[in-house]
Amino acid sequence: MTVRHEAEEELEVWIDQDLCTGDGICAQYAPEVFELDIDGLAYVKPPAPPGEEADLLTEPGATAPVPLPLLTDVAASAKECPGECIHVRRVRDGVEVYGPDAE
C-alpha cells in the first residue's frame, strides 16, 4: 500500500462501532492504536508512554491521533476492515483520507 502525502499531516482515527463486525483485523495490524473491548467491538486508544497501557476511548466518535510510524498499518486496517468502520481523517480540515468515505 502506498502512503500518500498525508504522512506529513496530523491525522486522527475513529471507529463507527455501529458498523464494527468485531473481526479484530485492525488490532492485528495496529495493536498500539486499536483494541477489542469486552463487548467484542474495536475501539481506538491514544499513544501511551513507554511501559504503560493506554485506556480505550469508548465514547461514540472518540478519536485518537495516528502516530506517523503506524500510518501504514492504520491505513491498511481501514482498507481491510470488513465492516468498513475505520475512518482516518486530517485534523486540519476533517477530510477523510482512509476509510469508506475517503476521497
N, C-alpha and C. Protein backbone atom coordinates (compact mmCIF):
# COMPACT_ATOMS: atom_id res chain seq x y z
N MET A 1 0.84 -1.17 0.00
CA MET A 1 0.00 0.00 0.00
C MET A 1 0.89 1.24 0.00
N THR A 2 0.58 2.17 -0.84
CA THR A 2 1.33 3.41 -0.91
C THR A 2 0.70 4.44 0.02
N VAL A 3 1.52 5.02 0.87
CA VAL A 3 1.03 6.06 1.76
C VAL A 3 1.28 7.39 1.06
N ARG A 4 0.20 8.13 0.86
CA ARG A 4 0.28 9.39 0.12
C ARG A 4 0.85 10.51 0.98
N HIS A 5 0.78 11.71 0.50
CA HIS A 5 1.33 12.87 1.18
C HIS A 5 0.73 13.12 2.56
N GLU A 6 -0.34 12.42 2.93
CA GLU A 6 -0.94 12.61 4.23
C GLU A 6 0.03 12.25 5.36
N ALA A 7 1.09 11.51 5.01
CA ALA A 7 2.07 11.12 6.02
C ALA A 7 2.67 12.34 6.71
N GLU A 8 2.63 13.48 6.05
CA GLU A 8 3.21 14.69 6.62
C GLU A 8 2.18 15.49 7.43
N GLU A 9 0.93 15.09 7.41
CA GLU A 9 -0.13 15.83 8.09
C GLU A 9 -0.53 15.12 9.39
N GLU A 10 -1.07 15.89 10.31
CA GLU A 10 -1.58 15.31 11.55
C GLU A 10 -2.91 14.61 11.24
N LEU A 11 -2.99 13.33 11.60
CA LEU A 11 -4.18 12.53 11.31
C LEU A 11 -4.76 11.98 12.61
N GLU A 12 -6.06 11.69 12.56
CA GLU A 12 -6.74 11.04 13.67
C GLU A 12 -7.60 9.92 13.12
N VAL A 13 -7.91 8.95 13.97
CA VAL A 13 -8.70 7.80 13.56
C VAL A 13 -9.84 7.60 14.54
N TRP A 14 -10.97 7.14 14.01
CA TRP A 14 -12.10 6.78 14.86
C TRP A 14 -12.79 5.58 14.24
N ILE A 15 -13.56 4.87 15.06
CA ILE A 15 -14.28 3.68 14.62
C ILE A 15 -15.76 3.88 14.86
N ASP A 16 -16.55 3.54 13.85
CA ASP A 16 -18.01 3.56 13.98
C ASP A 16 -18.42 2.18 14.52
N GLN A 17 -18.62 2.09 15.83
CA GLN A 17 -18.94 0.80 16.44
C GLN A 17 -20.25 0.21 15.94
N ASP A 18 -21.15 1.03 15.41
CA ASP A 18 -22.40 0.50 14.86
C ASP A 18 -22.14 -0.39 13.66
N LEU A 19 -21.01 -0.20 12.99
CA LEU A 19 -20.67 -0.99 11.82
C LEU A 19 -19.60 -2.04 12.10
N CYS A 20 -18.98 -1.98 13.27
CA CYS A 20 -17.88 -2.90 13.60
C CYS A 20 -18.38 -4.33 13.66
N THR A 21 -17.66 -5.23 13.00
CA THR A 21 -18.02 -6.65 12.99
C THR A 21 -17.23 -7.45 14.02
N GLY A 22 -16.28 -6.80 14.69
CA GLY A 22 -15.51 -7.47 15.73
C GLY A 22 -14.50 -8.48 15.22
N ASP A 23 -14.13 -8.39 13.95
CA ASP A 23 -13.16 -9.34 13.39
C ASP A 23 -11.76 -9.18 13.97
N GLY A 24 -11.42 -7.99 14.43
CA GLY A 24 -10.12 -7.77 15.06
C GLY A 24 -8.97 -7.57 14.10
N ILE A 25 -9.26 -7.42 12.82
CA ILE A 25 -8.19 -7.20 11.84
C ILE A 25 -7.41 -5.94 12.19
N CYS A 26 -8.11 -4.91 12.62
CA CYS A 26 -7.44 -3.65 12.97
C CYS A 26 -6.45 -3.86 14.11
N ALA A 27 -6.85 -4.62 15.12
CA ALA A 27 -5.98 -4.87 16.26
C ALA A 27 -4.78 -5.73 15.88
N GLN A 28 -4.93 -6.54 14.84
CA GLN A 28 -3.79 -7.32 14.35
C GLN A 28 -2.80 -6.42 13.62
N TYR A 29 -3.30 -5.50 12.81
CA TYR A 29 -2.43 -4.59 12.06
C TYR A 29 -1.77 -3.56 12.97
N ALA A 30 -2.51 -2.95 13.87
CA ALA A 30 -2.00 -1.84 14.68
C ALA A 30 -2.50 -1.96 16.12
N PRO A 31 -1.96 -2.90 16.90
CA PRO A 31 -2.42 -3.08 18.28
C PRO A 31 -2.14 -1.88 19.18
N GLU A 32 -1.25 -1.00 18.75
CA GLU A 32 -0.97 0.20 19.53
C GLU A 32 -2.09 1.23 19.41
N VAL A 33 -2.93 1.07 18.37
CA VAL A 33 -3.99 2.05 18.08
C VAL A 33 -5.38 1.46 18.29
N PHE A 34 -5.55 0.16 18.03
CA PHE A 34 -6.86 -0.49 18.09
C PHE A 34 -6.84 -1.64 19.10
N GLU A 35 -7.99 -1.85 19.73
CA GLU A 35 -8.12 -2.97 20.65
C GLU A 35 -9.60 -3.37 20.72
N LEU A 36 -9.84 -4.67 20.85
CA LEU A 36 -11.20 -5.15 21.05
C LEU A 36 -11.52 -5.06 22.54
N ASP A 37 -12.73 -4.60 22.84
CA ASP A 37 -13.16 -4.49 24.23
C ASP A 37 -13.98 -5.72 24.60
N ILE A 38 -14.42 -5.78 25.81
CA ILE A 38 -15.19 -6.92 26.31
C ILE A 38 -16.48 -7.13 25.52
N ASP A 39 -17.00 -6.07 24.90
CA ASP A 39 -18.22 -6.19 24.10
C ASP A 39 -17.96 -6.77 22.71
N GLY A 40 -16.68 -7.08 22.40
CA GLY A 40 -16.34 -7.68 21.11
C GLY A 40 -16.15 -6.68 19.98
N LEU A 41 -16.26 -5.40 20.28
CA LEU A 41 -16.09 -4.37 19.26
C LEU A 41 -14.73 -3.69 19.41
N ALA A 42 -14.26 -3.13 18.29
CA ALA A 42 -12.97 -2.45 18.29
C ALA A 42 -13.13 -0.99 18.70
N TYR A 43 -12.11 -0.49 19.39
CA TYR A 43 -12.05 0.90 19.82
C TYR A 43 -10.63 1.41 19.58
N VAL A 44 -10.51 2.73 19.52
CA VAL A 44 -9.19 3.34 19.38
C VAL A 44 -8.63 3.66 20.76
N LYS A 45 -7.31 3.83 20.80
CA LYS A 45 -6.66 4.26 22.02
C LYS A 45 -5.53 5.20 21.65
N PRO A 46 -5.29 6.19 22.50
CA PRO A 46 -4.23 7.16 22.22
C PRO A 46 -2.86 6.53 22.48
N PRO A 47 -1.81 7.16 21.96
CA PRO A 47 -0.46 6.65 22.26
C PRO A 47 -0.21 6.68 23.77
N ALA A 48 0.47 5.66 24.24
CA ALA A 48 0.78 5.56 25.67
C ALA A 48 2.28 5.79 25.88
N PRO A 49 2.64 6.33 27.03
CA PRO A 49 4.07 6.45 27.35
C PRO A 49 4.72 5.06 27.39
N PRO A 50 6.00 4.97 27.12
CA PRO A 50 6.67 3.66 27.15
C PRO A 50 6.43 2.93 28.46
N GLY A 51 6.10 1.65 28.33
CA GLY A 51 5.87 0.83 29.50
C GLY A 51 4.48 0.93 30.10
N GLU A 52 3.64 1.79 29.54
CA GLU A 52 2.27 1.95 30.06
C GLU A 52 1.27 1.52 29.00
N GLU A 53 0.08 1.18 29.45
CA GLU A 53 -1.01 0.79 28.56
C GLU A 53 -2.02 1.94 28.47
N ALA A 54 -2.43 2.28 27.26
CA ALA A 54 -3.40 3.36 27.07
C ALA A 54 -4.81 2.86 27.33
N ASP A 55 -5.66 3.74 27.82
CA ASP A 55 -7.07 3.40 28.02
C ASP A 55 -7.80 3.47 26.69
N LEU A 56 -8.74 2.54 26.50
CA LEU A 56 -9.58 2.59 25.31
C LEU A 56 -10.49 3.80 25.38
N LEU A 57 -10.72 4.40 24.23
CA LEU A 57 -11.64 5.53 24.13
C LEU A 57 -12.98 4.98 23.66
N THR A 58 -13.89 4.75 24.59
CA THR A 58 -15.13 4.05 24.27
C THR A 58 -16.31 4.96 24.00
N GLU A 59 -16.12 6.27 24.06
CA GLU A 59 -17.21 7.18 23.75
C GLU A 59 -17.48 7.13 22.24
N PRO A 60 -18.75 7.18 21.82
CA PRO A 60 -19.05 7.18 20.38
C PRO A 60 -18.34 8.34 19.67
N GLY A 61 -17.67 8.03 18.58
CA GLY A 61 -16.98 9.05 17.80
C GLY A 61 -15.65 9.49 18.36
N ALA A 62 -15.17 8.84 19.43
CA ALA A 62 -13.89 9.22 20.02
C ALA A 62 -12.77 9.02 19.01
N THR A 63 -11.85 9.98 18.98
CA THR A 63 -10.73 9.90 18.05
C THR A 63 -9.41 9.76 18.80
N ALA A 64 -8.45 9.18 18.10
CA ALA A 64 -7.09 9.06 18.63
C ALA A 64 -6.13 9.52 17.55
N PRO A 65 -5.03 10.14 17.93
CA PRO A 65 -4.04 10.53 16.93
C PRO A 65 -3.41 9.29 16.29
N VAL A 66 -3.03 9.44 15.04
CA VAL A 66 -2.34 8.36 14.33
C VAL A 66 -0.84 8.66 14.37
N PRO A 67 -0.07 7.89 15.12
CA PRO A 67 1.38 8.11 15.13
C PRO A 67 1.96 7.83 13.74
N LEU A 68 2.80 8.73 13.27
CA LEU A 68 3.36 8.61 11.92
C LEU A 68 3.97 7.24 11.64
N PRO A 69 4.73 6.64 12.57
CA PRO A 69 5.30 5.33 12.28
C PRO A 69 4.25 4.23 12.06
N LEU A 70 3.02 4.48 12.50
CA LEU A 70 1.96 3.46 12.38
C LEU A 70 0.98 3.77 11.25
N LEU A 71 1.22 4.82 10.50
CA LEU A 71 0.26 5.24 9.48
C LEU A 71 -0.02 4.14 8.47
N THR A 72 0.99 3.46 7.99
CA THR A 72 0.78 2.40 7.01
C THR A 72 -0.11 1.30 7.57
N ASP A 73 0.12 0.91 8.83
CA ASP A 73 -0.68 -0.14 9.47
C ASP A 73 -2.13 0.32 9.70
N VAL A 74 -2.29 1.57 10.11
CA VAL A 74 -3.64 2.10 10.34
C VAL A 74 -4.39 2.21 9.01
N ALA A 75 -3.71 2.66 7.95
CA ALA A 75 -4.34 2.75 6.63
C ALA A 75 -4.73 1.37 6.12
N ALA A 76 -3.87 0.38 6.33
CA ALA A 76 -4.18 -0.99 5.92
C ALA A 76 -5.38 -1.52 6.70
N SER A 77 -5.47 -1.18 7.98
CA SER A 77 -6.62 -1.59 8.79
C SER A 77 -7.92 -1.05 8.20
N ALA A 78 -7.89 0.23 7.83
CA ALA A 78 -9.09 0.85 7.25
C ALA A 78 -9.46 0.18 5.93
N LYS A 79 -8.46 -0.16 5.14
CA LYS A 79 -8.71 -0.79 3.83
C LYS A 79 -9.26 -2.21 3.98
N GLU A 80 -8.72 -2.96 4.93
CA GLU A 80 -9.07 -4.37 5.07
C GLU A 80 -10.28 -4.63 5.98
N CYS A 81 -10.75 -3.63 6.68
CA CYS A 81 -11.84 -3.80 7.63
C CYS A 81 -13.11 -4.29 6.92
N PRO A 82 -13.63 -5.47 7.29
CA PRO A 82 -14.85 -5.96 6.64
C PRO A 82 -16.09 -5.13 6.98
N GLY A 83 -16.08 -4.44 8.10
CA GLY A 83 -17.22 -3.61 8.48
C GLY A 83 -17.17 -2.21 7.89
N GLU A 84 -16.04 -1.89 7.24
CA GLU A 84 -15.83 -0.54 6.68
C GLU A 84 -16.19 0.52 7.71
N CYS A 85 -15.63 0.36 8.91
CA CYS A 85 -15.99 1.25 10.02
C CYS A 85 -14.84 2.10 10.53
N ILE A 86 -13.65 1.97 9.94
CA ILE A 86 -12.48 2.72 10.39
C ILE A 86 -12.32 3.95 9.52
N HIS A 87 -12.24 5.10 10.17
CA HIS A 87 -12.15 6.38 9.47
C HIS A 87 -10.88 7.11 9.91
N VAL A 88 -10.04 7.46 8.95
CA VAL A 88 -8.82 8.22 9.21
C VAL A 88 -8.97 9.55 8.51
N ARG A 89 -8.85 10.63 9.28
CA ARG A 89 -9.05 11.95 8.69
C ARG A 89 -7.95 12.92 9.12
N ARG A 90 -7.78 13.94 8.28
CA ARG A 90 -6.84 15.01 8.61
C ARG A 90 -7.43 15.85 9.73
N VAL A 91 -6.63 16.19 10.69
CA VAL A 91 -7.08 17.03 11.79
C VAL A 91 -7.36 18.44 11.29
N ARG A 92 -6.53 18.90 10.38
CA ARG A 92 -6.61 20.28 9.88
C ARG A 92 -7.98 20.64 9.33
N ASP A 93 -8.57 19.74 8.53
CA ASP A 93 -9.82 20.09 7.86
C ASP A 93 -10.90 19.01 7.97
N GLY A 94 -10.62 17.91 8.67
CA GLY A 94 -11.61 16.86 8.86
C GLY A 94 -11.88 15.98 7.66
N VAL A 95 -11.08 16.12 6.61
CA VAL A 95 -11.28 15.31 5.40
C VAL A 95 -10.76 13.90 5.63
N GLU A 96 -11.61 12.92 5.31
CA GLU A 96 -11.24 11.53 5.45
C GLU A 96 -10.27 11.15 4.34
N VAL A 97 -9.12 10.56 4.74
CA VAL A 97 -8.08 10.19 3.77
C VAL A 97 -7.99 8.68 3.60
N TYR A 98 -8.42 7.92 4.59
CA TYR A 98 -8.50 6.46 4.50
C TYR A 98 -9.80 6.04 5.15
N GLY A 99 -10.47 5.05 4.56
CA GLY A 99 -11.73 4.58 5.09
C GLY A 99 -12.83 4.67 4.06
N PRO A 100 -14.04 4.32 4.45
CA PRO A 100 -15.15 4.23 3.48
C PRO A 100 -15.54 5.56 2.86
N ASP A 101 -15.27 6.67 3.53
CA ASP A 101 -15.67 7.98 2.98
C ASP A 101 -14.48 8.75 2.40
N ALA A 102 -13.35 8.06 2.20
CA ALA A 102 -12.15 8.73 1.67
C ALA A 102 -12.39 9.19 0.24
N GLU A 103 -11.80 10.32 -0.06
CA GLU A 103 -11.94 10.90 -1.41
C GLU A 103 -11.09 10.16 -2.40
